[in-house]
Amino acid sequence: MEWIVAVGAFLVVSVLVIGVPLYLATCRWSSRQERRAAEARRRAASAHPAVPSAPAPPRAPSGRRRRAVSR
C-alpha cells in the first residue's frame, strides 16, 4: 500500500516540477511572439512610403508542377 502512495506522490511532484514550468514557459513565449508580431505590424503600417508605388505586375502562378515519369 505504501508504494501506491509513493508512486502517487512521485507523479504529483513530477507534474508540479516539470509540467507547471513548461506550461508557463510556453504561454510566456507565445505571448512574447505575439507582442513582437504586433510591433512589427505597427512598424510596417507606420512606415508607408510618401509616394504610392505602382501596382506590382501580375505574377505567374507559383507552384510545383509534377512531371510524368515514364518507366
Protein backbone atom coordinates (compact mmCIF):
# COMPACT_ATOMS: atom_id res chain seq x y z
CA MET A 1 0.00 0.00 0.00
CA GLU A 2 2.86 2.36 0.72
CA TRP A 3 4.22 2.00 -2.80
CA ILE A 4 0.91 3.24 -4.24
CA VAL A 5 1.16 6.38 -2.12
CA ALA A 6 4.83 6.77 -3.10
CA VAL A 7 4.04 6.45 -6.83
CA GLY A 8 1.14 8.91 -6.49
CA ALA A 9 3.32 11.41 -4.65
CA PHE A 10 6.05 11.00 -7.29
CA LEU A 11 3.56 11.70 -10.08
CA VAL A 12 2.18 14.78 -8.33
CA VAL A 13 5.65 16.17 -7.66
CA SER A 14 6.72 15.39 -11.24
CA VAL A 15 3.76 17.28 -12.67
CA LEU A 16 4.42 20.24 -10.39
CA VAL A 17 8.18 20.33 -11.06
CA ILE A 18 8.09 19.64 -14.81
CA GLY A 19 4.60 20.39 -16.08
CA VAL A 20 3.84 23.73 -14.50
CA PRO A 21 7.09 25.48 -15.53
CA LEU A 22 6.78 24.00 -19.02
CA TYR A 23 3.22 25.30 -19.31
CA LEU A 24 4.21 28.75 -18.07
CA ALA A 25 7.18 28.89 -20.44
CA THR A 26 5.04 28.03 -23.47
CA CYS A 27 2.43 30.64 -22.54
CA ARG A 28 5.11 33.26 -21.97
CA TRP A 29 6.91 32.57 -25.23
CA SER A 30 3.72 32.58 -27.28
CA SER A 31 2.62 35.90 -25.82
CA ARG A 32 6.09 37.35 -26.43
CA GLN A 33 5.93 36.17 -30.03
CA GLU A 34 2.51 37.77 -30.45
CA ARG A 35 3.77 41.06 -28.99
CA ARG A 36 6.72 41.08 -31.39
CA ALA A 37 4.47 40.32 -34.35
CA ALA A 38 2.10 43.13 -33.38
CA GLU A 39 5.01 45.54 -33.02
CA ALA A 40 6.32 44.53 -36.45
CA ARG A 41 2.86 45.11 -37.96
CA ARG A 42 2.68 48.55 -36.33
CA ARG A 43 6.11 49.50 -37.67
CA ALA A 44 5.22 48.30 -41.16
CA ALA A 45 1.97 50.24 -41.13
CA SER A 46 3.60 53.45 -39.95
CA ALA A 47 6.47 53.24 -42.45
CA HIS A 48 4.33 53.76 -45.55
CA PRO A 49 6.05 55.49 -48.47
CA ALA A 50 5.26 59.15 -49.22
CA VAL A 51 4.63 58.43 -52.92
CA PRO A 52 2.46 55.43 -53.71
CA SER A 53 4.31 52.93 -55.79
CA ALA A 54 2.97 51.42 -58.99
CA PRO A 55 1.00 48.21 -58.56
CA ALA A 56 3.02 45.07 -58.98
CA PRO A 57 2.60 43.26 -62.29
CA PRO A 58 0.59 40.03 -62.17
CA ARG A 59 2.73 37.04 -61.41
CA ALA A 60 2.60 33.60 -62.89
CA PRO A 61 1.04 31.03 -60.59
CA SER A 62 3.73 29.76 -58.32
CA GLY A 63 3.52 26.10 -57.62
CA ARG A 64 5.36 22.95 -58.33
CA ARG A 65 4.26 21.07 -61.35
CA ARG A 66 4.73 17.35 -61.47
CA ARG A 67 6.22 15.72 -64.46
CA ALA A 68 5.01 12.34 -65.59
CA VAL A 69 7.65 9.72 -65.07
CA SER A 70 7.76 7.07 -67.72
CA ARG A 71 9.03 3.67 -66.71
